[in-house]
Protein backbone atom coordinates (compact mmCIF):
# COMPACT_ATOMS: atom_id res chain seq x y z
CA UNK A 1 131.38 218.01 280.43
CA UNK A 2 129.74 219.63 277.19
CA UNK A 3 126.05 219.55 276.80
CA UNK A 4 126.90 217.22 273.53
CA UNK A 5 128.69 214.75 275.59
CA UNK A 6 126.30 214.76 278.37
CA UNK A 7 123.35 213.79 275.83
CA UNK A 8 125.40 210.97 274.16
CA UNK A 9 124.85 208.34 276.64
CA UNK A 10 121.14 209.31 276.99
CA UNK A 11 120.57 209.17 273.12
CA UNK A 12 122.34 205.84 273.00
CA UNK A 13 120.29 204.33 275.86
CA UNK A 14 117.01 205.93 274.38
CA UNK A 15 117.80 204.02 270.95
CA UNK A 16 118.84 200.86 272.53
CA UNK A 17 115.96 200.54 274.89
CA UNK A 18 113.28 201.97 272.25
CA UNK A 19 114.03 199.29 269.48
CA UNK A 20 114.93 195.61 269.10
CA UNK A 21 118.51 195.29 268.24
CA UNK A 22 119.49 194.60 264.65
CA UNK A 23 119.28 190.92 263.46
CA UNK A 24 122.08 188.87 262.69
CA UNK A 25 126.12 188.89 263.04
CA UNK A 26 127.56 192.29 261.99
CA UNK A 27 129.37 192.26 259.01
CA UNK A 28 133.00 193.23 259.19
CA UNK A 29 134.09 196.39 257.32
CA UNK A 30 137.32 197.91 256.51
CA UNK A 31 137.61 201.77 256.97
CA UNK A 32 140.01 203.53 254.62
CA UNK A 33 140.73 207.00 255.86
CA UNK A 34 137.53 208.73 256.56
CA UNK A 35 135.34 206.29 254.61
CA UNK A 36 134.05 202.50 254.17
CA UNK A 37 134.36 202.22 250.34
CA UNK A 38 132.44 198.82 250.22
CA UNK A 39 128.75 198.68 250.97
CA UNK A 40 127.70 196.43 254.21
CA UNK A 41 125.23 194.68 251.88
CA UNK A 42 124.72 193.34 248.52
CA UNK A 43 121.25 194.85 248.36
CA UNK A 44 121.56 198.59 247.34
CA UNK A 45 120.11 201.05 250.04
CA UNK A 46 116.78 202.22 249.78
CA UNK A 47 116.38 206.06 250.34
CA UNK A 48 112.74 205.77 251.46
CA UNK A 49 113.45 203.47 253.97
CA UNK A 50 116.64 205.43 255.16
CA UNK A 51 114.41 208.85 255.68
CA UNK A 52 112.20 206.65 257.85
CA UNK A 53 114.92 205.37 259.85
CA UNK A 54 116.32 208.84 260.32
CA UNK A 55 113.01 210.66 261.56
CA UNK A 56 111.70 207.59 263.37
CA UNK A 57 112.59 208.08 266.95
CA UNK A 58 112.31 204.56 267.68
CA UNK A 59 115.08 203.82 264.96
CA UNK A 60 117.85 206.00 264.39
CA UNK A 61 116.40 208.88 266.28
CA UNK A 62 118.59 211.37 264.24
CA UNK A 63 116.09 214.28 264.67
CA UNK A 64 117.09 214.47 268.28
CA UNK A 65 120.53 216.24 267.35
CA UNK A 66 120.45 217.16 263.67
CA UNK A 67 118.24 219.34 261.90
CA UNK A 68 116.67 217.18 259.19
CA UNK A 69 115.31 218.62 255.95
CA UNK A 70 111.41 218.38 255.92
CA UNK A 71 111.06 217.69 259.57
CA UNK A 72 109.50 220.59 261.86
CA UNK A 73 110.82 219.56 265.05
CA UNK A 74 114.74 218.81 264.83
CA UNK A 75 117.71 219.03 267.07
CA UNK A 76 120.43 221.73 267.06
CA UNK A 77 123.43 220.10 268.54
CA UNK A 78 124.77 218.35 265.68
CA UNK A 79 125.41 219.39 261.98
CA UNK A 80 122.12 219.98 260.02
CA UNK A 81 121.89 217.33 257.67
CA UNK A 82 120.95 219.58 254.60
CA UNK A 83 123.62 219.26 251.65
CA UNK A 84 125.45 216.51 253.46
CA UNK A 85 125.06 214.42 250.26
CA UNK A 86 127.09 217.16 248.48
CA UNK A 87 129.80 217.38 251.00
CA UNK A 88 130.43 213.63 251.48
CA UNK A 89 130.64 210.75 249.52
CA UNK A 90 128.31 207.67 250.17
CA UNK A 91 131.56 205.97 251.51
CA UNK A 92 132.22 208.82 253.81
CA UNK A 93 128.76 208.75 254.94
CA UNK A 94 128.59 205.06 255.44
CA UNK A 95 131.58 205.51 258.05
CA UNK A 96 129.84 208.43 259.89
CA UNK A 97 126.65 206.39 260.47
CA UNK A 98 128.30 203.04 261.21
CA UNK A 99 130.99 204.46 263.80
CA UNK A 100 131.38 208.30 263.77
CA UNK A 101 134.08 208.07 266.36
CA UNK A 102 136.46 206.67 263.87
CA UNK A 103 136.19 210.10 262.25
CA UNK A 104 135.93 212.32 265.52
CA UNK A 105 137.03 210.50 268.68
CA UNK A 106 135.06 213.03 270.72
CA UNK A 107 131.60 212.42 268.44
CA UNK A 108 128.54 212.01 270.87
CA UNK A 109 126.87 210.39 267.86
CA UNK A 110 126.03 206.76 268.53
CA UNK A 111 127.96 204.33 266.70
CA UNK A 112 125.03 202.50 264.81
CA UNK A 113 126.94 199.74 263.73
CA UNK A 114 129.99 199.13 266.13
CA UNK A 115 129.61 196.45 268.58
CA UNK A 116 133.05 196.53 270.48
CA UNK A 117 134.57 198.78 272.85
CA UNK A 118 131.41 200.13 274.08
CA UNK A 119 130.81 201.02 277.73
CA UNK A 120 127.59 200.73 279.90
CA UNK A 121 125.83 198.32 277.27
CA UNK A 122 122.87 196.26 278.70
CA UNK A 123 123.66 192.49 278.63
CA UNK A 124 120.84 191.82 276.21
CA UNK A 125 122.52 194.50 273.70
CA UNK A 126 126.10 193.56 273.80
CA UNK A 127 127.45 192.55 270.66
CA UNK A 128 124.66 193.83 268.60
CA UNK A 129 124.49 197.07 266.50
CA UNK A 130 121.66 199.61 266.84
CA UNK A 131 121.00 199.40 263.08
CA UNK A 132 121.25 196.28 260.69
CA UNK A 133 123.85 196.65 257.74
CA UNK A 134 120.94 197.07 255.40
CA UNK A 135 119.60 200.07 257.61
CA UNK A 136 122.90 201.48 257.48
CA UNK A 137 122.91 201.32 253.66
CA UNK A 138 119.31 202.65 253.59
CA UNK A 139 120.38 205.51 255.63
CA UNK A 140 123.29 206.08 253.59
CA UNK A 141 121.23 206.15 250.30
CA UNK A 142 118.81 208.70 251.71
CA UNK A 143 121.71 211.05 253.02
CA UNK A 144 123.32 210.76 249.45
CA UNK A 145 120.19 212.32 248.23
CA UNK A 146 120.59 215.65 250.11
CA UNK A 147 122.60 217.50 247.73
CA UNK A 148 121.35 220.87 248.46
CA UNK A 149 119.86 223.32 251.30
CA UNK A 150 116.46 222.73 252.01
């Protein structure tokens, strides 16, 4: 088992235990190729809220694995986020945040908006996404701003 794959369950458990699960019923979405073309919410994502989710260890906890622009302490086992907004469209970013395993079945990244087909989920968290639909859109809005190396 690689270091990345060994960390995935621990990261998912940390996120699940450190925050209350997202509210409401998950919104169904259709993935087309490597993207979710339609936003999950009618309200546009807010980039400032998205950045807060990414860097907050009680929310997205993305800094555990990714180098995040502007953060002194970041992980190095996943791709750096600098320039991701230039490499991927918002629709592609949306799928990677919602359920990265649809792009890469071996991805250790938690499925922030998937609720089915998961293993070892505590009863209180079953059927509930880690992030709400609005939080996914907020994260996508911030990631889309990352156009160049920082």
